[in-house]
């Protein structure tokens, strides 16, 4: 969709240049850190402060930061022992002085005019509390991430607490696609990252500050470059440790539910909250062995029952997944039985392929098909 013309607003704000606080937690990022820093310090918009917190790096990340700080006084460095990105970001937020905050990961980078574009929108008469933008994938392509990083222009005016966090697909889970007015973190009460979560801390935090935003704009410009091939990233690490990932997701659900109860929002939004929770757990345990699926399905259903959540409150598009959790909770199929079923299925498919290849209809069809368009039988039967 075409971006709206902001020329009238530009005339009124030409003298204004709000400070932007850019927060980067750094841990063993020497391979990509220079590219990340260059993309920020060389922005066409100059009124920024870059706050980097080294989280106990054991490579040359801190050396790189110190080198850059000598060249550019806008870069401020803080250090800590390895305590995780949440602690690092909280330290940076406590030091931030900007009117707006942007979070960047140390292996990613921005388009050079990103903040110039964002400030033009932020300073329109409407005064946007939160601007969500799109991004590119660098490295390995992934359909899920491609979809999440592709945004559609939209404006939310005087929105309710749950309208954006549940209704806007780009609202979660990527913190670095958000350009945020800092007062959302400070008023009416001070909010920070949960420091005891190592995966999904972004999403827990988003469930805290997005409901505070009254005016939200989503733009369709791709301003962020997200690197998928950084082997040290926590997301990829936990994807290879499915059980730990599942435990983290249960912690996320419990924290979000408790936060919304304390904020007095739970009763009004329990349908959206539990629809989100069912979706999160279903896709987390979907490919786990049957014993683990059963255990975690029972645990999820127990959580729902403890809160006396009515089944009809879960949105229709997640009802099928909710039924699947109920099915898995009652299942007595062992991993050995599951493996045997899969083995039999593979054998059946192999038999059907062999019978098809022997058939007269297939041989006639293959004879009349051009060689370059023929199926590679060796690949099919290997």
Protein backbone atom coordinates (compact mmCIF):
# COMPACT_ATOMS: atom_id res chain seq x y z
CA UNK A 1 0.00 0.00 0.00
CA UNK A 2 1.26 3.47 -0.82
CA UNK A 3 2.69 5.43 2.14
CA UNK A 4 0.69 8.53 3.03
CA UNK A 5 2.10 11.97 2.22
CA UNK A 6 3.40 13.62 5.39
CA UNK A 7 4.45 16.91 3.74
CA UNK A 8 2.06 19.07 5.80
CA UNK A 9 3.31 17.61 9.06
CA UNK A 10 6.93 18.05 7.95
CA UNK A 11 6.51 21.83 7.71
CA UNK A 12 5.35 21.98 11.32
CA UNK A 13 8.06 19.77 12.82
CA UNK A 14 11.10 20.74 10.79
CA UNK A 15 12.72 22.31 13.87
CA UNK A 16 12.15 19.26 16.05
CA UNK A 17 14.59 16.38 16.27
CA UNK A 18 13.75 14.10 19.20
CA UNK A 19 16.46 11.96 20.72
CA UNK A 20 16.23 8.24 19.92
CA UNK A 21 17.68 5.71 22.36
CA UNK A 22 18.89 2.60 20.52
CA UNK A 23 19.47 -0.42 22.76
CA UNK A 24 21.76 -3.33 21.82
CA UNK A 25 22.59 -6.22 24.16
CA UNK A 26 25.92 -7.68 22.99
CA UNK A 27 27.21 -11.19 23.55
CA UNK A 28 29.95 -12.81 21.43
CA UNK A 29 28.91 -10.98 18.28
CA UNK A 30 32.30 -10.03 16.84
CA UNK A 31 31.50 -11.49 13.40
CA UNK A 32 28.58 -9.14 12.69
CA UNK A 33 28.89 -6.39 15.30
CA UNK A 34 30.73 -3.87 13.12
CA UNK A 35 28.06 -4.07 10.42
CA UNK A 36 25.36 -3.54 13.05
CA UNK A 37 27.12 -0.53 14.59
CA UNK A 38 27.86 1.02 11.18
CA UNK A 39 24.21 0.77 10.17
CA UNK A 40 23.22 2.75 13.27
CA UNK A 41 25.98 5.33 13.60
CA UNK A 42 25.76 6.15 9.87
CA UNK A 43 22.00 6.77 9.97
CA UNK A 44 20.78 9.81 8.00
CA UNK A 45 19.00 10.84 11.21
CA UNK A 46 21.73 11.94 13.61
CA UNK A 47 20.07 12.71 16.96
CA UNK A 48 20.56 9.28 18.52
CA UNK A 49 22.19 7.69 21.53
CA UNK A 50 23.41 4.13 21.09
CA UNK A 51 23.49 2.18 24.36
CA UNK A 52 25.37 -1.12 24.15
CA UNK A 53 25.52 -3.50 27.10
CA UNK A 54 28.19 -6.18 26.80
CA UNK A 55 26.83 -9.29 28.48
CA UNK A 56 30.17 -10.87 29.43
CA UNK A 57 31.41 -11.57 25.90
CA UNK A 58 34.43 -13.88 25.63
CA UNK A 59 35.36 -12.86 22.07
CA UNK A 60 36.41 -9.41 20.79
CA UNK A 61 32.95 -7.80 20.98
CA UNK A 62 33.90 -5.47 23.81
CA UNK A 63 37.11 -4.48 22.01
CA UNK A 64 35.05 -3.54 18.94
CA UNK A 65 32.67 -1.48 21.08
CA UNK A 66 35.55 0.38 22.74
CA UNK A 67 37.10 1.11 19.35
CA UNK A 68 33.85 2.56 18.01
CA UNK A 69 33.22 4.63 21.15
CA UNK A 70 36.47 6.50 20.51
CA UNK A 71 35.19 7.49 17.07
CA UNK A 72 31.63 8.42 18.05
CA UNK A 73 30.59 9.92 21.37
CA UNK A 74 26.96 8.93 20.78
CA UNK A 75 27.93 5.34 21.67
CA UNK A 76 27.79 4.51 25.38
CA UNK A 77 29.04 1.19 26.68
CA UNK A 78 28.10 -0.70 29.84
CA UNK A 79 29.38 -4.10 30.89
CA UNK A 80 28.11 -6.93 33.06
CA UNK A 81 28.79 -10.59 33.73
CA UNK A 82 26.82 -12.95 31.52
CA UNK A 83 23.23 -12.57 32.75
CA UNK A 84 21.23 -12.66 29.53
CA UNK A 85 19.61 -10.12 27.20
CA UNK A 86 16.80 -9.16 29.59
CA UNK A 87 19.18 -7.91 32.26
CA UNK A 88 21.25 -6.13 29.60
CA UNK A 89 18.21 -4.40 28.09
CA UNK A 90 16.93 -3.35 31.50
CA UNK A 91 20.28 -1.76 32.30
CA UNK A 92 20.12 0.13 29.00
CA UNK A 93 16.53 1.27 29.59
CA UNK A 94 17.52 2.63 32.99
CA UNK A 95 20.18 4.75 31.24
CA UNK A 96 18.06 5.79 28.23
CA UNK A 97 17.19 9.47 27.82
CA UNK A 98 15.49 9.46 24.41
CA UNK A 99 11.89 10.25 23.65
CA UNK A 100 11.73 7.09 21.55
CA UNK A 101 13.35 3.67 22.00
CA UNK A 102 14.45 1.15 19.38
CA UNK A 103 15.83 -2.31 20.13
CA UNK A 104 18.38 -3.91 17.81
CA UNK A 105 20.09 -7.31 18.01
CA UNK A 106 23.87 -7.21 17.69
CA UNK A 107 23.99 -9.47 14.62
CA UNK A 108 21.34 -7.53 12.67
CA UNK A 109 21.43 -4.18 10.87
CA UNK A 110 19.14 -1.36 9.73
CA UNK A 111 18.51 0.48 6.49
CA UNK A 112 20.48 3.72 6.67
CA UNK A 113 17.39 5.96 6.49
CA UNK A 114 15.33 3.89 8.96
CA UNK A 115 15.17 6.42 11.80
CA UNK A 116 14.64 9.37 9.47
CA UNK A 117 11.52 7.63 8.12
CA UNK A 118 10.31 6.63 11.59
CA UNK A 119 10.73 10.11 13.06
CA UNK A 120 8.74 11.63 10.17
CA UNK A 121 5.82 9.39 11.09
CA UNK A 122 6.29 9.68 14.86
CA UNK A 123 6.00 13.47 14.80
CA UNK A 124 2.78 13.71 12.84
CA UNK A 125 -0.03 15.62 14.55
CA UNK A 126 -1.56 12.33 15.65
CA UNK A 127 1.44 11.59 17.92
CA UNK A 128 1.99 7.87 17.49
CA UNK A 129 2.90 5.92 20.64
CA UNK A 130 4.14 2.92 18.69
CA UNK A 131 5.19 2.44 15.08
CA UNK A 132 5.59 -1.09 13.71
CA UNK A 133 7.61 -1.65 10.54
CA UNK A 134 8.78 -4.52 8.36
CA UNK A 135 12.08 -6.25 7.71
CA UNK A 136 14.17 -8.42 5.42
CA UNK A 137 15.64 -11.84 6.15
CA UNK A 138 19.39 -12.15 5.66
CA UNK A 139 20.60 -15.71 5.12
CA UNK A 140 18.42 -18.80 5.33
CA UNK A 141 14.90 -18.14 4.06
CA UNK A 142 11.94 -19.08 6.25
CA UNK A 143 8.27 -18.76 5.28
CA UNK A 144 7.07 -18.02 8.82
CA UNK A 145 9.59 -15.21 9.30
CA UNK A 146 8.97 -13.84 5.80
CA UNK A 147 5.28 -13.50 6.64
CA UNK A 148 5.91 -11.93 10.06
CA UNK A 149 8.39 -9.43 8.64
CA UNK A 150 6.01 -8.31 5.87
CA UNK A 151 3.76 -5.57 7.22
CA UNK A 152 0.63 -3.91 5.83
CA UNK A 153 -0.08 -0.21 6.33
CA UNK A 154 -2.66 0.37 9.06
CA UNK A 155 -3.57 2.91 11.72
CA UNK A 156 -5.09 2.19 15.14
CA UNK A 157 -6.57 5.29 16.78
CA UNK A 158 -7.59 5.42 20.46
CA UNK A 159 -7.38 1.65 20.52
CA UNK A 160 -8.39 -0.61 23.38
CA UNK A 161 -5.75 -2.49 25.38
CA UNK A 162 -6.12 -5.76 23.47
CA UNK A 163 -6.82 -4.46 19.99
CA UNK A 164 -3.24 -4.32 18.69
CA UNK A 165 -1.51 -6.98 20.76
CA UNK A 166 -4.07 -9.59 19.64
CA UNK A 167 -5.37 -8.13 16.38
CA UNK A 168 -2.20 -7.03 14.59
CA UNK A 169 -0.08 -9.89 13.22
CA UNK A 170 3.09 -7.75 13.26
CA UNK A 171 2.66 -6.80 16.94
CA UNK A 172 4.39 -9.94 18.20
CA UNK A 173 6.90 -11.50 18.73
CA UNK A 174 9.68 -9.34 17.23
CA UNK A 175 10.70 -6.46 19.47
CA UNK A 176 13.10 -4.99 16.92
CA UNK A 177 10.24 -4.11 14.54
CA UNK A 178 8.92 -1.59 17.08
CA UNK A 179 9.67 2.14 17.40
CA UNK A 180 8.37 2.96 20.87
CA UNK A 181 7.64 6.11 22.80
CA UNK A 182 9.72 5.67 25.97
CA UNK A 183 6.98 6.92 28.30
CA UNK A 184 5.13 3.63 27.64
CA UNK A 185 7.81 1.99 29.82
CA UNK A 186 7.53 4.54 32.61
CA UNK A 187 3.84 5.53 32.94
CA UNK A 188 1.57 4.91 34.72
CA UNK A 189 4.04 2.47 36.33
CA UNK A 190 7.57 1.45 35.44
CA UNK A 191 7.82 -1.79 33.43
CA UNK A 192 10.89 -3.79 32.44
CA UNK A 193 11.86 -7.17 30.97
CA UNK A 194 11.41 -10.30 33.10
CA UNK A 195 14.97 -11.30 33.93
CA UNK A 196 14.32 -14.98 34.69
CA UNK A 197 13.24 -15.89 31.14
CA UNK A 198 15.88 -16.75 28.52
CA UNK A 199 13.56 -17.28 25.57
CA UNK A 200 10.44 -15.31 24.72
CA UNK A 201 11.25 -12.42 27.03
CA UNK A 202 10.45 -10.07 24.14
CA UNK A 203 6.88 -11.31 23.92
CA UNK A 204 6.25 -11.08 27.67
CA UNK A 205 7.47 -7.48 27.54
CA UNK A 206 5.29 -6.70 24.51
CA UNK A 207 2.24 -7.91 26.43
CA UNK A 208 3.12 -5.23 29.00
CA UNK A 209 3.73 -2.12 26.88
CA UNK A 210 1.57 -2.60 23.75
CA UNK A 211 -1.72 -2.34 25.73
CA UNK A 212 -0.55 1.10 26.91
CA UNK A 213 -0.27 2.47 23.36
CA UNK A 214 -3.34 4.47 22.36
CA UNK A 215 -2.27 5.36 18.81
CA UNK A 216 -0.40 2.75 16.78
CA UNK A 217 0.75 2.92 13.18
CA UNK A 218 1.92 -0.02 11.07
CA UNK A 219 3.94 0.95 7.99
CA UNK A 220 4.75 -1.33 5.07
CA UNK A 221 8.39 -0.29 4.68
CA UNK A 222 11.09 -2.88 5.43
CA UNK A 223 13.65 -1.07 7.59
CA UNK A 224 15.25 -3.91 9.57
CA UNK A 225 17.54 -6.73 8.39
CA UNK A 226 17.20 -9.89 10.45
CA UNK A 227 20.02 -12.42 10.20
CA UNK A 228 18.93 -16.06 10.20
CA UNK A 229 22.37 -17.69 9.97
CA UNK A 230 23.86 -16.66 13.32
CA UNK A 231 24.43 -20.03 14.97
CA UNK A 232 24.76 -18.54 18.45
CA UNK A 233 21.26 -17.09 18.56
CA UNK A 234 19.11 -18.23 21.47
CA UNK A 235 16.12 -18.84 19.20
CA UNK A 236 17.99 -21.41 17.12
CA UNK A 237 19.59 -22.92 20.21
CA UNK A 238 16.22 -23.54 21.86
CA UNK A 239 14.68 -24.82 18.64
CA UNK A 240 17.20 -27.65 18.98
CA UNK A 241 16.19 -28.17 22.61
CA UNK A 242 12.46 -28.68 22.31
CA UNK A 243 11.79 -29.61 25.92
CA UNK A 244 13.48 -26.48 27.29
CA UNK A 245 11.62 -24.44 24.69
CA UNK A 246 8.29 -25.92 25.82
CA UNK A 247 9.07 -25.20 29.47
CA UNK A 248 9.92 -21.60 28.54
CA UNK A 249 6.63 -21.22 26.71
CA UNK A 250 4.66 -22.38 29.74
CA UNK A 251 6.54 -19.80 31.81
CA UNK A 252 5.64 -17.13 29.26
CA UNK A 253 1.95 -18.05 29.42
CA UNK A 254 1.86 -17.99 33.22
CA UNK A 255 3.67 -14.64 33.39
CA UNK A 256 1.44 -13.00 30.79
CA UNK A 257 -1.73 -14.28 32.48
CA UNK A 258 -0.55 -13.05 35.89
CA UNK A 259 0.52 -9.65 34.48
CA UNK A 260 -2.89 -9.13 32.87
CA UNK A 261 -4.66 -10.16 36.06
CA UNK A 262 -2.64 -7.63 38.05
CA UNK A 263 -3.43 -4.96 35.44
CA UNK A 264 -7.16 -5.72 35.75
CA UNK A 265 -7.42 -6.75 32.09
CA UNK A 266 -7.67 -10.53 32.35
CA UNK A 267 -11.46 -10.90 32.71
CA UNK A 268 -12.10 -8.71 29.68
CA UNK A 269 -9.54 -10.46 27.44
CA UNK A 270 -9.42 -14.04 28.69
CA UNK A 271 -10.82 -15.28 25.36
CA UNK A 272 -7.95 -13.69 23.40
CA UNK A 273 -5.37 -14.69 26.00
CA UNK A 274 -6.28 -18.36 26.05
CA UNK A 275 -6.69 -18.52 22.27
CA UNK A 276 -3.11 -17.22 22.03
CA UNK A 277 -1.94 -19.71 24.68
CA UNK A 278 -3.53 -22.71 22.93
CA UNK A 279 -1.94 -21.67 19.64
CA UNK A 280 1.48 -21.22 21.25
CA UNK A 281 1.51 -24.60 23.00
CA UNK A 282 0.02 -26.55 20.09
CA UNK A 283 2.76 -25.45 17.67
CA UNK A 284 5.41 -25.95 20.36
CA UNK A 285 4.56 -29.60 21.10
CA UNK A 286 3.12 -30.64 17.75
CA UNK A 287 6.28 -32.49 16.67
CA UNK A 288 7.34 -33.83 20.08
CA UNK A 289 7.28 -37.59 20.83
CA UNK A 290 3.85 -38.83 21.95
CA UNK A 291 4.75 -39.19 25.65
CA UNK A 292 5.82 -35.53 25.83
CA UNK A 293 2.79 -34.38 23.82
CA UNK A 294 0.56 -36.16 26.32
CA UNK A 295 2.35 -34.71 29.35
CA UNK A 296 2.28 -31.13 28.05
CA UNK A 297 -1.29 -31.39 26.75
CA UNK A 298 -2.45 -32.46 30.22
CA UNK A 299 -0.49 -29.57 31.73
CA UNK A 300 -2.05 -27.06 29.34
CA UNK A 301 -5.57 -28.35 29.93
CA UNK A 302 -4.97 -28.23 33.70
CA UNK A 303 -4.02 -24.55 33.39
CA UNK A 304 -7.22 -23.86 31.48
CA UNK A 305 -9.32 -25.75 34.01
CA UNK A 306 -7.66 -24.02 36.98
CA UNK A 307 -8.80 -20.68 35.60
CA UNK A 308 -12.25 -22.10 34.85
CA UNK A 309 -11.99 -21.05 31.21
CA UNK A 310 -15.04 -21.97 29.15
CA UNK A 311 -14.26 -23.91 25.97
CA UNK A 312 -16.44 -21.60 23.87
CA UNK A 313 -14.17 -18.64 24.73
CA UNK A 314 -11.37 -20.10 22.60
CA UNK A 315 -11.64 -18.66 19.09
CA UNK A 316 -13.01 -20.86 16.34
CA UNK A 317 -9.75 -20.91 14.39
CA UNK A 318 -8.02 -22.55 17.38
CA UNK A 319 -10.80 -24.97 18.33
CA UNK A 320 -9.27 -27.72 16.20
CA UNK A 321 -5.95 -27.34 18.00
CA UNK A 322 -7.72 -27.29 21.36
CA UNK A 323 -9.46 -30.59 20.46
CA UNK A 324 -6.08 -31.99 19.45
CA UNK A 325 -4.66 -31.16 22.89
CA UNK A 326 -7.59 -33.02 24.44
CA UNK A 327 -6.93 -35.98 22.15
CA UNK A 328 -3.21 -36.07 22.97
CA UNK A 329 -3.97 -35.85 26.70
CA UNK A 330 -6.03 -39.08 26.47
CA UNK A 331 -3.70 -40.90 24.08
CA UNK A 332 -2.00 -44.12 25.19
CA UNK A 333 0.22 -44.44 22.14
CA UNK A 334 3.88 -44.82 23.08
CA UNK A 335 6.79 -43.51 21.05
CA UNK A 336 7.54 -47.10 20.03
CA UNK A 337 3.96 -47.57 18.77
CA UNK A 338 4.13 -44.20 17.01
CA UNK A 339 7.37 -45.22 15.28
CA UNK A 340 5.79 -48.48 14.17
CA UNK A 341 2.78 -46.63 12.72
CA UNK A 342 5.11 -44.30 10.84
CA UNK A 343 7.16 -47.24 9.57
CA UNK A 344 4.02 -48.99 8.28
CA UNK A 345 2.86 -45.77 6.61
CA UNK A 346 6.18 -45.39 4.82
CA UNK A 347 6.08 -49.03 3.70
CA UNK A 348 2.52 -48.57 2.39
CA UNK A 349 3.49 -45.45 0.44
CA UNK A 350 6.53 -47.24 -0.99
CA UNK A 351 4.33 -50.15 -2.10
CA UNK A 352 1.85 -47.78 -3.78
CA UNK A 353 4.66 -46.01 -5.65
CA UNK A 354 6.08 -49.34 -6.87
CA UNK A 355 2.65 -50.49 -8.06
CA UNK A 356 2.10 -47.19 -9.87
CA UNK A 357 5.46 -47.50 -11.64
CA UNK A 358 4.51 -51.02 -12.81
CA UNK A 359 1.15 -49.92 -14.17
CA UNK A 360 0.46 -49.77 -17.90
CA UNK A 361 -1.05 -46.26 -17.61
CA UNK A 362 2.16 -44.87 -16.06
CA UNK A 363 4.37 -46.48 -18.71
CA UNK A 364 2.22 -45.08 -21.56
CA UNK A 365 2.17 -41.63 -19.96
CA UNK A 366 5.94 -41.67 -19.48
CA UNK A 367 6.45 -42.71 -23.12
CA UNK A 368 4.53 -39.66 -24.39
CA UNK A 369 6.13 -37.21 -21.90
CA UNK A 370 9.17 -35.22 -23.01
CA UNK A 371 12.34 -36.47 -21.34
CA UNK A 372 13.08 -33.17 -19.57
CA UNK A 373 9.62 -33.28 -17.91
CA UNK A 374 9.71 -36.93 -16.84
CA UNK A 375 9.78 -37.90 -13.17
CA UNK A 376 13.16 -39.10 -11.95
CA UNK A 377 12.26 -42.64 -10.94
CA UNK A 378 15.58 -43.23 -9.19
CA UNK A 379 14.96 -40.27 -6.85
CA UNK A 380 11.37 -41.35 -6.27
CA UNK A 381 12.31 -44.87 -5.15
CA UNK A 382 15.55 -44.14 -3.29
